[in-house]
PDB file of all heavy atoms in Angstrom:
ATOM      1  N   GLN A   1    -113.510 -30.022  91.088  1.00  0.00           N
ATOM      2  CA  GLN A   1    -112.784 -29.917  89.826  1.00  0.00           C
ATOM      3  C   GLN A   1    -112.529 -31.358  89.344  1.00  0.00           C
ATOM      4  O   GLN A   1    -112.170 -32.270  90.057  1.00  0.00           O
ATOM      5  CB  GLN A   1    -111.407 -29.248  90.036  1.00  0.00           C
ATOM      6  CG  GLN A   1    -110.665 -29.074  88.736  1.00  0.00           C
ATOM      7  CD  GLN A   1    -109.499 -28.161  88.892  1.00  0.00           C
ATOM      8  OE1 GLN A   1    -109.261 -27.578  89.853  1.00  0.00           O
ATOM      9  NE2 GLN A   1    -108.725 -28.025  87.739  1.00  0.00           N
ATOM     10  N   VAL A   2    -112.656 -31.528  88.043  1.00  0.00           N
ATOM     11  CA  VAL A   2    -112.364 -32.800  87.394  1.00  0.00           C
ATOM     12  C   VAL A   2    -111.171 -32.581  86.458  1.00  0.00           C
ATOM     13  O   VAL A   2    -111.228 -31.624  85.627  1.00  0.00           O
ATOM     14  CB  VAL A   2    -113.537 -33.309  86.578  1.00  0.00           C
ATOM     15  CG1 VAL A   2    -113.297 -34.671  86.007  1.00  0.00           C
ATOM     16  CG2 VAL A   2    -114.844 -33.347  87.384  1.00  0.00           C
ATOM     17  N   SER A   3    -110.142 -33.351  86.549  1.00  0.00           N
ATOM     18  CA  SER A   3    -109.061 -33.239  85.556  1.00  0.00           C
ATOM     19  C   SER A   3    -108.662 -34.616  85.110  1.00  0.00           C
ATOM     20  O   SER A   3    -109.029 -35.614  85.723  1.00  0.00           O
ATOM     21  CB  SER A   3    -107.846 -32.506  86.208  1.00  0.00           C
ATOM     22  OG  SER A   3    -107.540 -33.039  87.465  1.00  0.00           O
ATOM     23  N   TRP A   4    -108.037 -34.657  83.928  1.00  0.00           N
ATOM     24  CA  TRP A   4    -107.736 -35.917  83.336  1.00  0.00           C
ATOM     25  C   TRP A   4    -106.454 -35.846  82.580  1.00  0.00           C
ATOM     26  O   TRP A   4    -105.953 -34.787  82.212  1.00  0.00           O
ATOM     27  CB  TRP A   4    -108.901 -36.369  82.366  1.00  0.00           C
ATOM     28  CG  TRP A   4    -109.235 -35.325  81.381  1.00  0.00           C
ATOM     29  CD1 TRP A   4    -108.733 -35.134  80.166  1.00  0.00           C
ATOM     30  CD2 TRP A   4    -110.220 -34.320  81.552  1.00  0.00           C
ATOM     31  NE1 TRP A   4    -109.290 -34.074  79.550  1.00  0.00           N
ATOM     32  CE2 TRP A   4    -110.236 -33.495  80.382  1.00  0.00           C
ATOM     33  CE3 TRP A   4    -111.198 -33.979  82.585  1.00  0.00           C
ATOM     34  CZ2 TRP A   4    -111.093 -32.391  80.138  1.00  0.00           C
ATOM     35  CZ3 TRP A   4    -112.001 -32.862  82.388  1.00  0.00           C
ATOM     36  CH2 TRP A   4    -111.943 -32.101  81.205  1.00  0.00           C
ATOM     37  N   ALA A   5    -105.937 -37.068  82.314  1.00  0.00           N
ATOM     38  CA  ALA A   5    -104.710 -37.165  81.484  1.00  0.00           C
ATOM     39  C   ALA A   5    -104.779 -38.479  80.747  1.00  0.00           C
ATOM     40  O   ALA A   5    -105.504 -39.371  81.096  1.00  0.00           O
ATOM     41  CB  ALA A   5    -103.461 -37.196  82.475  1.00  0.00           C
ATOM     42  N   PRO A   6    -104.018 -38.603  79.605  1.00  0.00           N
ATOM     43  CA  PRO A   6    -103.238 -37.543  78.962  1.00  0.00           C
ATOM     44  C   PRO A   6    -104.106 -36.659  78.134  1.00  0.00           C
ATOM     45  O   PRO A   6    -105.268 -37.053  77.800  1.00  0.00           O
ATOM     46  CB  PRO A   6    -102.230 -38.382  78.120  1.00  0.00           C
ATOM     47  CG  PRO A   6    -103.049 -39.627  77.692  1.00  0.00           C
ATOM     48  CD  PRO A   6    -103.937 -39.920  78.917  1.00  0.00           C
ATOM     49  N   VAL A   7    -103.589 -35.596  77.626  1.00  0.00           N
ATOM     50  CA  VAL A   7    -104.252 -34.809  76.649  1.00  0.00           C
ATOM     51  C   VAL A   7    -103.659 -35.047  75.327  1.00  0.00           C
ATOM     52  O   VAL A   7    -102.395 -35.067  75.166  1.00  0.00           O
ATOM     53  CB  VAL A   7    -104.115 -33.241  76.985  1.00  0.00           C
ATOM     54  CG1 VAL A   7    -104.649 -32.400  75.852  1.00  0.00           C
ATOM     55  CG2 VAL A   7    -104.858 -32.943  78.285  1.00  0.00           C
ATOM     56  N   LEU A   8    -104.418 -35.407  74.296  1.00  0.00           N
ATOM     57  CA  LEU A   8    -103.925 -35.924  73.080  1.00  0.00           C
ATOM     58  C   LEU A   8    -104.423 -35.024  71.885  1.00  0.00           C
ATOM     59  O   LEU A   8    -105.463 -34.520  71.885  1.00  0.00           O
ATOM     60  CB  LEU A   8    -104.465 -37.346  72.833  1.00  0.00           C
ATOM     61  CG  LEU A   8    -104.099 -38.365  73.928  1.00  0.00           C
ATOM     62  CD1 LEU A   8    -104.967 -39.539  73.843  1.00  0.00           C
ATOM     63  CD2 LEU A   8    -102.684 -38.773  73.773  1.00  0.00           C
ATOM     64  N   ASP A   9    -103.546 -34.940  70.952  1.00  0.00           N
ATOM     65  CA  ASP A   9    -103.937 -34.166  69.674  1.00  0.00           C
ATOM     66  C   ASP A   9    -105.033 -34.767  68.964  1.00  0.00           C
ATOM     67  O   ASP A   9    -105.755 -34.058  68.215  1.00  0.00           O
ATOM     68  CB  ASP A   9    -102.694 -34.128  68.733  1.00  0.00           C
ATOM     69  CG  ASP A   9    -101.546 -33.341  69.263  1.00  0.00           C
ATOM     70  OD1 ASP A   9    -101.819 -32.537  70.179  1.00  0.00           O
ATOM     71  OD2 ASP A   9    -100.419 -33.442  68.823  1.00  0.00           O
ATOM     72  N   SER A  10    -105.244 -36.071  69.102  1.00  0.00           N
ATOM     73  CA  SER A  10    -106.304 -36.719  68.284  1.00  0.00           C
ATOM     74  C   SER A  10    -107.715 -36.531  68.877  1.00  0.00           C
ATOM     75  O   SER A  10    -108.724 -36.979  68.352  1.00  0.00           O
ATOM     76  CB  SER A  10    -105.967 -38.203  68.194  1.00  0.00           C
ATOM     77  OG  SER A  10    -105.690 -38.770  69.462  1.00  0.00           O
ATOM     78  N   VAL A  11    -107.766 -35.829  70.029  1.00  0.00           N
ATOM     79  CA  VAL A  11    -109.077 -35.620  70.651  1.00  0.00           C
ATOM     80  C   VAL A  11    -109.684 -34.304  70.222  1.00  0.00           C
ATOM     81  O   VAL A  11    -109.012 -33.272  70.267  1.00  0.00           O
ATOM     82  CB  VAL A  11    -108.989 -35.640  72.236  1.00  0.00           C
ATOM     83  CG1 VAL A  11    -110.297 -35.318  72.882  1.00  0.00           C
ATOM     84  CG2 VAL A  11    -108.497 -37.033  72.689  1.00  0.00           C
ATOM     85  N   ALA A  12    -110.886 -34.331  69.734  1.00  0.00           N
ATOM     86  CA  ALA A  12    -111.547 -33.114  69.329  1.00  0.00           C
ATOM     87  C   ALA A  12    -112.243 -32.382  70.548  1.00  0.00           C
ATOM     88  O   ALA A  12    -111.967 -31.204  70.798  1.00  0.00           O
ATOM     89  CB  ALA A  12    -112.652 -33.457  68.271  1.00  0.00           C
ATOM     90  N   THR A  13    -112.971 -33.105  71.337  1.00  0.00           N
ATOM     91  CA  THR A  13    -113.546 -32.546  72.554  1.00  0.00           C
ATOM     92  C   THR A  13    -113.652 -33.613  73.608  1.00  0.00           C
ATOM     93  O   THR A  13    -113.592 -34.845  73.320  1.00  0.00           O
ATOM     94  CB  THR A  13    -115.047 -32.080  72.298  1.00  0.00           C
ATOM     95  OG1 THR A  13    -115.778 -33.130  71.754  1.00  0.00           O
ATOM     96  CG2 THR A  13    -115.059 -30.905  71.440  1.00  0.00           C
ATOM     97  N   TYR A  14    -113.765 -33.166  74.830  1.00  0.00           N
ATOM     98  CA  TYR A  14    -114.045 -34.094  75.941  1.00  0.00           C
ATOM     99  C   TYR A  14    -115.432 -33.818  76.453  1.00  0.00           C
ATOM    100  O   TYR A  14    -115.875 -32.662  76.450  1.00  0.00           O
ATOM    101  CB  TYR A  14    -113.069 -33.875  77.120  1.00  0.00           C
ATOM    102  CG  TYR A  14    -111.634 -34.221  76.862  1.00  0.00           C
ATOM    103  CD1 TYR A  14    -110.739 -33.292  76.425  1.00  0.00           C
ATOM    104  CD2 TYR A  14    -111.271 -35.552  77.051  1.00  0.00           C
ATOM    105  CE1 TYR A  14    -109.426 -33.748  76.187  1.00  0.00           C
ATOM    106  CE2 TYR A  14    -109.905 -35.988  76.794  1.00  0.00           C
ATOM    107  CZ  TYR A  14    -109.047 -35.042  76.309  1.00  0.00           C
ATOM    108  OH  TYR A  14    -107.813 -35.436  76.094  1.00  0.00           O
ATOM    109  N   GLN A  15    -116.141 -34.841  76.791  1.00  0.00           N
ATOM    110  CA  GLN A  15    -117.415 -34.648  77.441  1.00  0.00           C
ATOM    111  C   GLN A  15    -117.322 -35.108  78.895  1.00  0.00           C
ATOM    112  O   GLN A  15    -116.826 -36.204  79.097  1.00  0.00           O
ATOM    113  CB  GLN A  15    -118.526 -35.515  76.740  1.00  0.00           C
ATOM    114  CG  GLN A  15    -119.190 -34.760  75.542  1.00  0.00           C
ATOM    115  CD  GLN A  15    -120.274 -35.646  74.937  1.00  0.00           C
ATOM    116  OE1 GLN A  15    -120.503 -36.766  75.322  1.00  0.00           O
ATOM    117  NE2 GLN A  15    -120.981 -35.073  73.998  1.00  0.00           N
ATOM    118  N   VAL A  16    -117.760 -34.257  79.791  1.00  0.00           N
ATOM    119  CA  VAL A  16    -117.801 -34.689  81.144  1.00  0.00           C
ATOM    120  C   VAL A  16    -119.209 -34.874  81.547  1.00  0.00           C
ATOM    121  O   VAL A  16    -120.042 -33.971  81.549  1.00  0.00           O
ATOM    122  CB  VAL A  16    -117.096 -33.541  82.028  1.00  0.00           C
ATOM    123  CG1 VAL A  16    -117.165 -33.929  83.504  1.00  0.00           C
ATOM    124  CG2 VAL A  16    -115.661 -33.356  81.564  1.00  0.00           C
ATOM    125  N   LEU A  17    -119.590 -36.082  81.865  1.00  0.00           N
ATOM    126  CA  LEU A  17    -120.962 -36.416  82.338  1.00  0.00           C
ATOM    127  C   LEU A  17    -120.950 -36.636  83.767  1.00  0.00           C
ATOM    128  O   LEU A  17    -120.019 -37.249  84.339  1.00  0.00           O
ATOM    129  CB  LEU A  17    -121.405 -37.745  81.711  1.00  0.00           C
ATOM    130  CG  LEU A  17    -121.821 -37.712  80.230  1.00  0.00           C
ATOM    131  CD1 LEU A  17    -120.634 -37.623  79.319  1.00  0.00           C
ATOM    132  CD2 LEU A  17    -122.648 -38.917  79.833  1.00  0.00           C
ATOM    133  N   TYR A  18    -121.924 -36.072  84.522  1.00  0.00           N
ATOM    134  CA  TYR A  18    -121.935 -36.232  85.923  1.00  0.00           C
ATOM    135  C   TYR A  18    -123.401 -36.295  86.470  1.00  0.00           C
ATOM    136  O   TYR A  18    -124.296 -35.691  85.845  1.00  0.00           O
ATOM    137  CB  TYR A  18    -121.178 -35.140  86.655  1.00  0.00           C
ATOM    138  CG  TYR A  18    -121.717 -33.768  86.395  1.00  0.00           C
ATOM    139  CD1 TYR A  18    -122.558 -33.106  87.315  1.00  0.00           C
ATOM    140  CD2 TYR A  18    -121.376 -33.072  85.273  1.00  0.00           C
ATOM    141  CE1 TYR A  18    -123.048 -31.841  87.091  1.00  0.00           C
ATOM    142  CE2 TYR A  18    -121.868 -31.780  84.988  1.00  0.00           C
ATOM    143  CZ  TYR A  18    -122.703 -31.156  85.904  1.00  0.00           C
ATOM    144  OH  TYR A  18    -123.236 -29.913  85.638  1.00  0.00           O
ATOM    145  N   GLY A  19    -123.569 -37.114  87.480  1.00  0.00           N
ATOM    146  CA  GLY A  19    -124.960 -37.259  88.067  1.00  0.00           C
ATOM    147  C   GLY A  19    -124.851 -37.871  89.400  1.00  0.00           C
ATOM    148  O   GLY A  19    -123.869 -38.621  89.659  1.00  0.00           O
ATOM    149  N   PRO A  20    -125.765 -37.627  90.250  1.00  0.00           N
ATOM    150  CA  PRO A  20    -125.716 -38.191  91.643  1.00  0.00           C
ATOM    151  C   PRO A  20    -125.961 -39.644  91.581  1.00  0.00           C
ATOM    152  O   PRO A  20    -126.712 -40.207  90.706  1.00  0.00           O
ATOM    153  CB  PRO A  20    -126.866 -37.392  92.346  1.00  0.00           C
ATOM    154  CG  PRO A  20    -127.771 -36.913  91.259  1.00  0.00           C
ATOM    155  CD  PRO A  20    -126.958 -36.760  90.119  1.00  0.00           C
ATOM    156  N   LEU A  21    -125.379 -40.340  92.587  1.00  0.00           N
ATOM    157  CA  LEU A  21    -125.598 -41.758  92.770  1.00  0.00           C
ATOM    158  C   LEU A  21    -126.390 -41.942  94.014  1.00  0.00           C
ATOM    159  O   LEU A  21    -126.146 -41.282  95.090  1.00  0.00           O
ATOM    160  CB  LEU A  21    -124.280 -42.485  92.998  1.00  0.00           C
ATOM    161  CG  LEU A  21    -123.396 -42.705  91.720  1.00  0.00           C
ATOM    162  CD1 LEU A  21    -122.066 -43.259  92.134  1.00  0.00           C
ATOM    163  CD2 LEU A  21    -124.115 -43.605  90.776  1.00  0.00           C
ATOM    164  N   PRO A  22    -127.380 -42.795  94.149  1.00  0.00           N
ATOM    165  CA  PRO A  22    -127.975 -43.443  92.911  1.00  0.00           C
ATOM    166  C   PRO A  22    -128.850 -42.460  92.184  1.00  0.00           C
ATOM    167  O   PRO A  22    -129.216 -41.450  92.787  1.00  0.00           O
ATOM    168  CB  PRO A  22    -128.815 -44.586  93.514  1.00  0.00           C
ATOM    169  CG  PRO A  22    -129.205 -44.063  94.871  1.00  0.00           C
ATOM    170  CD  PRO A  22    -128.112 -43.140  95.387  1.00  0.00           C
ATOM    171  N   GLY A  23    -129.176 -42.728  90.978  1.00  0.00           N
ATOM    172  CA  GLY A  23    -130.015 -41.766  90.181  1.00  0.00           C
ATOM    173  C   GLY A  23    -129.613 -41.813  88.754  1.00  0.00           C
ATOM    174  O   GLY A  23    -128.652 -42.449  88.399  1.00  0.00           O
ATOM    175  N   ASN A  24    -130.472 -41.192  87.952  1.00  0.00           N
ATOM    176  CA  ASN A  24    -130.179 -41.304  86.494  1.00  0.00           C
ATOM    177  C   ASN A  24    -130.333 -39.912  85.881  1.00  0.00           C
ATOM    178  O   ASN A  24    -130.484 -39.773  84.657  1.00  0.00           O
ATOM    179  CB  ASN A  24    -131.153 -42.275  85.830  1.00  0.00           C
ATOM    180  CG  ASN A  24    -132.583 -42.064  86.187  1.00  0.00           C
ATOM    181  OD1 ASN A  24    -132.943 -41.023  86.811  1.00  0.00           O
ATOM    182  ND2 ASN A  24    -133.427 -42.980  85.855  1.00  0.00           N
ATOM    183  N   SER A  25    -130.222 -38.850  86.689  1.00  0.00           N
ATOM    184  CA  SER A  25    -130.231 -37.465  86.092  1.00  0.00           C
ATOM    185  C   SER A  25    -128.780 -37.122  85.819  1.00  0.00           C
ATOM    186  O   SER A  25    -127.977 -37.013  86.730  1.00  0.00           O
ATOM    187  CB  SER A  25    -130.830 -36.477  87.003  1.00  0.00           C
ATOM    188  OG  SER A  25    -130.025 -36.395  88.195  1.00  0.00           O
ATOM    189  N   VAL A  26    -128.403 -37.115  84.507  1.00  0.00           N
ATOM    190  CA  VAL A  26    -127.047 -36.866  84.146  1.00  0.00           C
ATOM    191  C   VAL A  26    -126.901 -35.529  83.389  1.00  0.00           C
ATOM    192  O   VAL A  26    -127.782 -35.232  82.557  1.00  0.00           O
ATOM    193  CB  VAL A  26    -126.554 -37.993  83.227  1.00  0.00           C
ATOM    194  CG1 VAL A  26    -125.164 -37.704  82.730  1.00  0.00           C
ATOM    195  CG2 VAL A  26    -126.508 -39.326  84.065  1.00  0.00           C
ATOM    196  N   LYS A  27    -125.936 -34.718  83.773  1.00  0.00           N
ATOM    197  CA  LYS A  27    -125.629 -33.478  83.017  1.00  0.00           C
ATOM    198  C   LYS A  27    -124.385 -33.676  82.300  1.00  0.00           C
ATOM    199  O   LYS A  27    -123.535 -34.475  82.622  1.00  0.00           O
ATOM    200  CB  LYS A  27    -125.536 -32.326  83.987  1.00  0.00           C
ATOM    201  CG  LYS A  27    -126.866 -32.073  84.743  1.00  0.00           C
ATOM    202  CD  LYS A  27    -126.801 -30.651  85.394  1.00  0.00           C
ATOM    203  CE  LYS A  27    -128.165 -30.195  85.808  1.00  0.00           C
ATOM    204  NZ  LYS A  27    -128.308 -30.289  87.268  1.00  0.00           N
ATOM    205  N   VAL A  28    -124.232 -32.919  81.179  1.00  0.00           N
ATOM    206  CA  VAL A  28    -123.065 -32.998  80.323  1.00  0.00           C
ATOM    207  C   VAL A  28    -122.346 -31.618  80.191  1.00  0.00           C
ATOM    208  O   VAL A  28    -123.047 -30.676  79.968  1.00  0.00           O
ATOM    209  CB  VAL A  28    -123.489 -33.528  78.937  1.00  0.00           C
ATOM    210  CG1 VAL A  28    -122.257 -33.637  78.068  1.00  0.00           C
ATOM    211  CG2 VAL A  28    -124.253 -34.823  78.948  1.00  0.00           C
ATOM    212  N   LEU A  29    -121.014 -31.631  80.291  1.00  0.00           N
ATOM    213  CA  LEU A  29    -120.266 -30.516  79.963  1.00  0.00           C
ATOM    214  C   LEU A  29    -119.424 -30.787  78.821  1.00  0.00           C
ATOM    215  O   LEU A  29    -118.776 -31.842  78.784  1.00  0.00           O
ATOM    216  CB  LEU A  29    -119.285 -30.133  81.180  1.00  0.00           C
ATOM    217  CG  LEU A  29    -119.909 -29.432  82.403  1.00  0.00           C
ATOM    218  CD1 LEU A  29    -118.831 -29.431  83.430  1.00  0.00           C
ATOM    219  CD2 LEU A  29    -120.415 -28.095  82.059  1.00  0.00           C
ATOM    220  N   GLU A  30    -119.363 -29.909  77.801  1.00  0.00           N
ATOM    221  CA  GLU A  30    -118.428 -30.059  76.686  1.00  0.00           C
ATOM    222  C   GLU A  30    -117.166 -29.275  76.950  1.00  0.00           C
ATOM    223  O   GLU A  30    -117.232 -28.080  77.310  1.00  0.00           O
ATOM    224  CB  GLU A  30    -119.095 -29.505  75.356  1.00  0.00           C
ATOM    225  CG  GLU A  30    -120.189 -30.368  74.880  1.00  0.00           C
ATOM    226  CD  GLU A  30    -119.743 -31.382  73.890  1.00  0.00           C
ATOM    227  OE1 GLU A  30    -118.606 -31.276  73.398  1.00  0.00           O
ATOM    228  OE2 GLU A  30    -120.545 -32.293  73.541  1.00  0.00           O
TER     229      GLU A  30
END
């Protein structure tokens, strides 16, 4: 699980990018 703070009214969306290290295959969650 990934969680973050703070949550702000001025944010439209968060993008969570993740990929194995080392490496360059990155996936994105909106």
